Amino acid sequence: MKTFDDMWEVIHQEQEWGKYPSEEVIRFVARNFYKLDRKKIRVLDFGCGTGAVTWYIAKEGFDAYGFDGSETAIKKAIMRIEQEGLKANLLVADAGNLSYEDNHFDAIVDSAVICGNKLYDVKNILTEAKRVLKEGGKIFSTGLFNCKTTGYGTGEKLEEGTYREMTEGALAHRGTVHFFTVNEIKSTWEEAGFKNVKIDSVERTDMGGEYTIGFFIVEAEK
């Protein structure tokens, strides 16, 4: 099953992308894993892009892994890791068909990747994420956008809550985006087999108040 949107290969070829992880990602990793033996904690940057989260995980001493569907993004991520003398296992792969073994990771970090799919594919991706997580492992997702985000409802409607090639806001011309509700997150994550689903939310403005960005943050356990 292919879930990667080829538009992101073009984006990574034409522009630089984020180099640093979000505050939410750092908080999740720090709260759950800083006091443990980091060398033994295997963390997967789920759809790593150019490696912002992978870089952070490796720099903090964890066993770092990352994948992305974009060959260009992975090349950039590998170059950065090597230039800074860090170690990470990086490869080109699709979120819906991973080559990792079952029960392989202690944690998965999804930074605005899962949201770039129709709901059917989101469910399949979560099933695959659960497969590669160890029992008791944690999955963290940020950037699960909601309908308060500028641009919601523009572009091509693919299904209820999913739009492609939005014409306004920070997500304009960023391929497919599914906009979530709290109930949808809870039911979807639980149907995929996750438990202890915790949901928080963030709402802020951007570009001097021109845009509103609203998204959910989810932490769950296998």
Protein backbone atom coordinates (compact mmCIF):
# COMPACT_ATOMS: atom_id res chain seq x y z
CA MET A 1 0.00 0.00 0.00
CA LYS A 2 1.44 3.36 -1.06
CA THR A 3 0.61 6.32 1.14
CA PHE A 4 3.47 8.70 0.24
CA ASP A 5 2.36 11.76 -1.73
CA ASP A 6 4.86 12.36 -4.56
CA MET A 7 4.26 16.09 -4.20
CA TRP A 8 6.59 15.98 -1.19
CA GLU A 9 9.47 14.79 -3.34
CA VAL A 10 9.03 17.94 -5.42
CA ILE A 11 8.79 20.11 -2.31
CA HIS A 12 12.02 18.69 -0.87
CA GLN A 13 13.78 19.20 -4.20
CA GLU A 14 12.72 22.83 -4.48
CA GLN A 15 13.04 24.18 -0.93
CA GLU A 16 14.61 23.68 2.44
CA TRP A 17 12.42 22.21 5.16
CA GLY A 18 12.45 22.44 8.95
CA LYS A 19 15.76 21.62 10.67
CA TYR A 20 14.59 21.46 14.29
CA PRO A 21 11.89 19.51 16.15
CA SER A 22 8.87 21.18 17.69
CA GLU A 23 8.57 21.90 21.39
CA GLU A 24 5.87 19.24 21.64
CA VAL A 25 8.22 16.53 20.34
CA ILE A 26 11.00 17.52 22.74
CA ARG A 27 8.59 17.50 25.66
CA PHE A 28 7.32 14.02 24.79
CA VAL A 29 10.81 12.54 24.52
CA ALA A 30 12.05 14.30 27.66
CA ARG A 31 9.11 13.28 29.82
CA ASN A 32 9.18 9.65 28.81
CA PHE A 33 12.79 8.73 28.09
CA TYR A 34 15.40 11.19 29.39
CA LYS A 35 15.91 9.30 32.66
CA LEU A 36 16.35 5.92 30.97
CA ASP A 37 19.45 4.38 29.38
CA ARG A 38 19.21 6.28 26.12
CA LYS A 39 21.46 3.98 24.12
CA LYS A 40 18.91 1.20 24.67
CA ILE A 41 15.88 3.28 23.63
CA ARG A 42 15.07 2.81 19.94
CA VAL A 43 13.09 5.74 18.50
CA LEU A 44 11.58 5.99 15.00
CA ASP A 45 11.10 9.34 13.29
CA PHE A 46 7.97 8.41 11.36
CA GLY A 47 8.18 10.18 7.98
CA CYS A 48 11.34 12.04 8.88
CA GLY A 49 11.60 14.45 5.98
CA THR A 50 15.06 16.03 6.10
CA GLY A 51 15.60 14.63 9.58
CA ALA A 52 14.75 17.30 12.14
CA VAL A 53 13.48 14.81 14.73
CA THR A 54 16.05 12.16 13.75
CA TRP A 55 18.86 14.68 14.33
CA TYR A 56 17.48 15.57 17.76
CA ILE A 57 17.01 11.92 18.77
CA ALA A 58 20.55 11.03 17.69
CA LYS A 59 22.08 14.11 19.32
CA GLU A 60 20.38 13.24 22.61
CA GLY A 61 21.99 9.79 22.59
CA PHE A 62 19.05 7.60 21.60
CA ASP A 63 19.15 4.78 19.05
CA ALA A 64 17.79 6.82 16.16
CA TYR A 65 15.85 5.61 13.13
CA GLY A 66 13.99 7.49 10.43
CA PHE A 67 12.28 6.89 7.09
CA ASP A 68 10.62 8.99 4.44
CA GLY A 69 9.09 8.44 1.03
CA SER A 70 11.25 11.19 -0.48
CA GLU A 71 14.69 10.15 -1.71
CA THR A 72 15.77 13.79 -1.73
CA ALA A 73 14.73 14.27 1.89
CA ILE A 74 16.59 11.15 3.03
CA LYS A 75 19.75 12.25 1.19
CA LYS A 76 19.60 15.59 3.00
CA ALA A 77 19.00 13.89 6.34
CA ILE A 78 21.93 11.50 5.88
CA MET A 79 24.21 14.38 4.92
CA ARG A 80 23.32 16.34 8.05
CA ILE A 81 23.74 13.35 10.36
CA GLU A 82 27.15 12.55 8.86
CA GLN A 83 28.33 16.16 8.92
CA GLU A 84 27.59 16.41 12.62
CA GLY A 85 29.22 13.09 13.48
CA LEU A 86 25.98 11.47 14.62
CA LYS A 87 24.55 8.03 13.95
CA ALA A 88 21.10 7.16 12.65
CA ASN A 89 19.51 4.43 10.55
CA LEU A 90 17.78 6.22 7.66
CA LEU A 91 15.98 4.75 4.67
CA VAL A 92 13.43 5.44 1.94
CA ALA A 93 10.14 3.73 2.75
CA ASP A 94 6.38 4.17 2.76
CA ALA A 95 4.49 4.56 6.03
CA GLY A 96 1.97 1.95 4.95
CA ASN A 97 4.53 -0.77 4.23
CA LEU A 98 7.53 -0.69 6.57
CA SER A 99 10.42 -3.15 6.44
CA TYR A 100 11.10 -3.06 10.19
CA GLU A 101 10.54 -6.17 12.26
CA ASP A 102 7.58 -6.56 14.62
CA ASN A 103 8.03 -5.12 18.12
CA HIS A 104 11.14 -3.17 17.10
CA PHE A 105 10.75 0.34 18.58
CA ASP A 106 10.29 1.81 22.02
CA ALA A 107 8.77 4.99 20.58
CA ILE A 108 7.44 6.43 17.34
CA VAL A 109 7.33 10.17 16.69
CA ASP A 110 4.96 11.43 13.98
CA SER A 111 5.44 15.13 13.31
CA ALA A 112 2.61 16.15 10.95
CA VAL A 113 2.97 13.08 8.71
CA ILE A 114 -0.02 10.85 9.47
CA CYS A 115 -2.37 13.78 8.79
CA GLY A 116 -1.31 13.85 5.12
CA ASN A 117 -3.64 10.99 4.16
CA LYS A 118 -7.26 10.05 3.72
CA LEU A 119 -8.79 8.47 6.81
CA TYR A 120 -8.67 4.93 5.38
CA ASP A 121 -4.90 5.26 4.91
CA VAL A 122 -4.50 6.83 8.36
CA LYS A 123 -6.03 3.69 9.86
CA ASN A 124 -3.70 1.42 7.88
CA ILE A 125 -0.66 3.51 8.83
CA LEU A 126 -1.57 3.30 12.51
CA THR A 127 -1.92 -0.47 12.22
CA GLU A 128 1.57 -0.64 10.72
CA ALA A 129 2.93 1.67 13.44
CA LYS A 130 1.49 -0.58 16.12
CA ARG A 131 3.09 -3.62 14.50
CA VAL A 132 6.62 -2.20 14.73
CA LEU A 133 6.20 -0.87 18.28
CA LYS A 134 7.24 -2.97 21.27
CA GLU A 135 4.58 -3.95 23.78
CA GLY A 136 4.19 -0.93 26.04
CA GLY A 137 5.86 1.31 23.44
CA LYS A 138 4.49 4.80 22.84
CA ILE A 139 3.37 6.59 19.69
CA PHE A 140 3.30 10.37 19.61
CA SER A 141 1.63 12.47 16.92
CA THR A 142 1.63 16.23 16.57
CA GLY A 143 0.23 18.32 13.74
CA LEU A 144 -3.11 16.53 13.58
CA PHE A 145 -4.82 19.61 12.17
CA ASN A 146 -8.39 20.59 12.99
CA CYS A 147 -11.08 22.61 11.25
CA LYS A 148 -9.98 25.86 12.92
CA THR A 149 -6.94 25.90 10.65
CA THR A 150 -7.03 28.49 7.88
CA GLY A 151 -7.61 26.77 4.56
CA TYR A 152 -9.95 24.10 5.87
CA GLY A 153 -12.64 23.49 3.26
CA THR A 154 -10.65 24.90 0.32
CA GLY A 155 -9.17 22.92 -2.54
CA GLU A 156 -10.51 19.54 -3.66
CA LYS A 157 -12.66 17.68 -1.15
CA LEU A 158 -11.67 14.00 -1.19
CA GLU A 159 -13.94 12.88 1.64
CA GLU A 160 -15.44 14.31 4.82
CA GLY A 161 -12.60 16.16 6.57
CA THR A 162 -9.99 15.52 3.87
CA TYR A 163 -8.89 18.10 1.30
CA ARG A 164 -6.19 18.26 -1.33
CA GLU A 165 -4.28 21.27 -2.65
CA MET A 166 -5.83 23.79 -0.30
CA THR A 167 -5.61 27.34 -1.55
CA GLU A 168 -5.23 29.29 1.71
CA GLY A 169 -3.21 29.26 4.90
CA ALA A 170 0.00 27.59 6.01
CA LEU A 171 -1.07 24.26 4.46
CA ALA A 172 -1.74 25.67 0.98
CA HIS A 173 -0.27 23.53 -1.80
CA ARG A 174 0.93 20.85 0.61
CA GLY A 175 -0.92 17.91 -0.91
CA THR A 176 -3.57 16.00 1.01
CA VAL A 177 -4.51 16.90 4.59
CA HIS A 178 -7.05 15.22 6.83
CA PHE A 179 -8.58 17.42 9.53
CA PHE A 180 -9.38 15.56 12.73
CA THR A 181 -11.91 15.78 15.55
CA VAL A 182 -11.31 14.58 19.10
CA ASN A 183 -13.84 11.74 18.81
CA GLU A 184 -12.35 10.64 15.50
CA ILE A 185 -8.84 10.49 16.97
CA LYS A 186 -9.97 8.50 19.97
CA SER A 187 -11.94 5.97 17.93
CA THR A 188 -9.32 5.63 15.17
CA TRP A 189 -6.37 5.13 17.50
CA GLU A 190 -8.30 2.66 19.65
CA GLU A 191 -9.51 0.71 16.60
CA ALA A 192 -5.85 0.36 15.58
CA GLY A 193 -5.19 -1.26 18.95
CA PHE A 194 -3.71 1.59 20.97
CA LYS A 195 -4.64 2.27 24.57
CA ASN A 196 -4.28 5.14 27.06
CA VAL A 197 -4.98 7.66 24.29
CA LYS A 198 -4.24 11.17 25.56
CA ILE A 199 -5.29 14.15 23.43
CA ASP A 200 -4.20 17.77 23.79
CA SER A 201 -4.66 20.72 21.45
CA VAL A 202 -2.85 23.85 20.31
CA GLU A 203 -4.24 26.92 18.57
CA ARG A 204 -2.13 29.87 17.43
CA THR A 205 -1.91 32.51 14.75
CA ASP A 206 0.82 33.02 12.18
CA MET A 207 2.05 35.74 9.82
CA GLY A 208 0.89 38.54 12.07
CA GLY A 209 -2.52 37.02 12.62
CA GLU A 210 -3.18 36.33 8.96
CA TYR A 211 -3.49 32.57 9.54
CA THR A 212 -4.91 30.43 12.31
CA ILE A 213 -3.32 27.05 12.96
CA GLY A 214 -5.12 24.55 15.16
CA PHE A 215 -3.97 21.00 15.78
CA PHE A 216 -4.19 18.07 18.16
CA ILE A 217 -1.34 16.30 19.94
CA VAL A 218 -1.81 12.61 20.71
CA GLU A 219 0.13 10.19 22.86
CA ALA A 220 -0.88 6.53 23.04
CA GLU A 221 0.52 3.16 24.07
CA LYS A 222 0.64 -0.28 22.49
